[in-house]
Amino acid sequence: MSKHYFSKDEIDELSQSKYVKSINEKTIQFTNEFKEEFIHLYKQGIRPKKLLLPIVYPEFIYL
């Protein structure tokens, strides 16, 4: 598995999300609100890859 490091632009953009508690070039920590929403949607049968973008980026439309 390759390591992903967040760029300054990614950090700036992701840090604007209400679901991101903290972020640096190596890690991202989500809020409890994000975790609760993620679990709620996961229990409805939505898989993780389809969950992450719409939660972090509400304006994102998954096609």
C-alpha atoms as a PDB file:
ATOM      1  CA  MET A   1       0.000   0.000   0.000  1.00  0.00           C
ATOM      2  CA  SER A   2       1.427   3.344  -0.992  1.00  0.00           C
ATOM      3  CA  LYS A   3       1.606   6.282   1.364  1.00  0.00           C
ATOM      4  CA  HIS A   4      -0.304   9.430   0.520  1.00  0.00           C
ATOM      5  CA  TYR A   5       0.844  12.799   1.735  1.00  0.00           C
ATOM      6  CA  PHE A   6      -1.590  15.706   1.611  1.00  0.00           C
ATOM      7  CA  SER A   7      -0.445  18.756  -0.305  1.00  0.00           C
ATOM      8  CA  LYS A   8      -0.796  22.259   1.128  1.00  0.00           C
ATOM      9  CA  ASP A   9      -3.776  22.847  -1.173  1.00  0.00           C
ATOM     10  CA  GLU A  10      -5.467  19.633  -0.032  1.00  0.00           C
ATOM     11  CA  ILE A  11      -4.848  20.525   3.606  1.00  0.00           C
ATOM     12  CA  ASP A  12      -6.280  24.006   3.090  1.00  0.00           C
ATOM     13  CA  GLU A  13      -9.365  22.665   1.328  1.00  0.00           C
ATOM     14  CA  LEU A  14     -10.047  19.766   3.688  1.00  0.00           C
ATOM     15  CA  SER A  15      -9.526  21.881   6.800  1.00  0.00           C
ATOM     16  CA  GLN A  16     -12.569  23.936   5.747  1.00  0.00           C
ATOM     17  CA  SER A  17     -14.859  20.925   6.216  1.00  0.00           C
ATOM     18  CA  LYS A  18     -16.890  20.851   9.416  1.00  0.00           C
ATOM     19  CA  TYR A  19     -16.092  17.133   9.590  1.00  0.00           C
ATOM     20  CA  VAL A  20     -12.307  17.501   9.760  1.00  0.00           C
ATOM     21  CA  LYS A  21     -11.028  17.874  13.308  1.00  0.00           C
ATOM     22  CA  SER A  22      -7.366  18.159  12.331  1.00  0.00           C
ATOM     23  CA  ILE A  23      -5.167  17.494   9.341  1.00  0.00           C
ATOM     24  CA  ASN A  24      -1.488  17.566   8.447  1.00  0.00           C
ATOM     25  CA  GLU A  25       0.533  16.182   5.563  1.00  0.00           C
ATOM     26  CA  LYS A  26       0.351  12.607   6.897  1.00  0.00           C
ATOM     27  CA  THR A  27      -2.930  12.234   8.778  1.00  0.00           C
ATOM     28  CA  ILE A  28      -6.506  13.381   8.892  1.00  0.00           C
ATOM     29  CA  GLN A  29      -8.682  13.192  11.989  1.00  0.00           C
ATOM     30  CA  PHE A  30     -12.441  13.388  11.617  1.00  0.00           C
ATOM     31  CA  THR A  31     -14.982  14.768  14.090  1.00  0.00           C
ATOM     32  CA  ASN A  32     -17.399  12.588  16.030  1.00  0.00           C
ATOM     33  CA  GLU A  33     -20.195  14.075  13.903  1.00  0.00           C
ATOM     34  CA  PHE A  34     -18.503  12.684  10.794  1.00  0.00           C
ATOM     35  CA  LYS A  35     -18.071   9.266  12.390  1.00  0.00           C
ATOM     36  CA  GLU A  36     -21.745   9.126  13.404  1.00  0.00           C
ATOM     37  CA  GLU A  37     -22.907  10.141   9.911  1.00  0.00           C
ATOM     38  CA  PHE A  38     -20.522   7.645   8.311  1.00  0.00           C
ATOM     39  CA  ILE A  39     -21.803   4.773  10.469  1.00  0.00           C
ATOM     40  CA  HIS A  40     -25.432   5.772   9.878  1.00  0.00           C
ATOM     41  CA  LEU A  41     -24.989   5.716   6.095  1.00  0.00           C
ATOM     42  CA  TYR A  42     -22.850   2.565   6.178  1.00  0.00           C
ATOM     43  CA  LYS A  43     -25.640   0.733   8.009  1.00  0.00           C
ATOM     44  CA  GLN A  44     -27.952   1.742   5.163  1.00  0.00           C
ATOM     45  CA  GLY A  45     -25.715  -0.232   2.790  1.00  0.00           C
ATOM     46  CA  ILE A  46     -23.622   2.566   1.309  1.00  0.00           C
ATOM     47  CA  ARG A  47     -20.002   1.485   0.943  1.00  0.00           C
ATOM     48  CA  PRO A  48     -17.050   3.510   2.314  1.00  0.00           C
ATOM     49  CA  LYS A  49     -15.675   4.675  -1.054  1.00  0.00           C
ATOM     50  CA  LYS A  50     -19.054   6.197  -1.903  1.00  0.00           C
ATOM     51  CA  LEU A  51     -19.462   7.699   1.584  1.00  0.00           C
ATOM     52  CA  LEU A  52     -16.313   9.698   2.080  1.00  0.00           C
ATOM     53  CA  LEU A  53     -16.563  12.346  -0.642  1.00  0.00           C
ATOM     54  CA  PRO A  54     -20.223  13.351  -0.137  1.00  0.00           C
ATOM     55  CA  ILE A  55     -19.762  13.660   3.629  1.00  0.00           C
ATOM     56  CA  VAL A  56     -16.568  15.701   3.499  1.00  0.00           C
ATOM     57  CA  TYR A  57     -17.662  17.641   0.398  1.00  0.00           C
ATOM     58  CA  PRO A  58     -21.485  18.055   0.631  1.00  0.00           C
ATOM     59  CA  GLU A  59     -21.550  19.818  -2.747  1.00  0.00           C
ATOM     60  CA  PHE A  60     -19.969  16.762  -4.404  1.00  0.00           C
ATOM     61  CA  ILE A  61     -22.406  14.751  -6.537  1.00  0.00           C
ATOM     62  CA  TYR A  62     -21.388  11.127  -6.861  1.00  0.00           C
ATOM     63  CA  LEU A  63     -22.115   9.772 -10.335  1.00  0.00           C
END
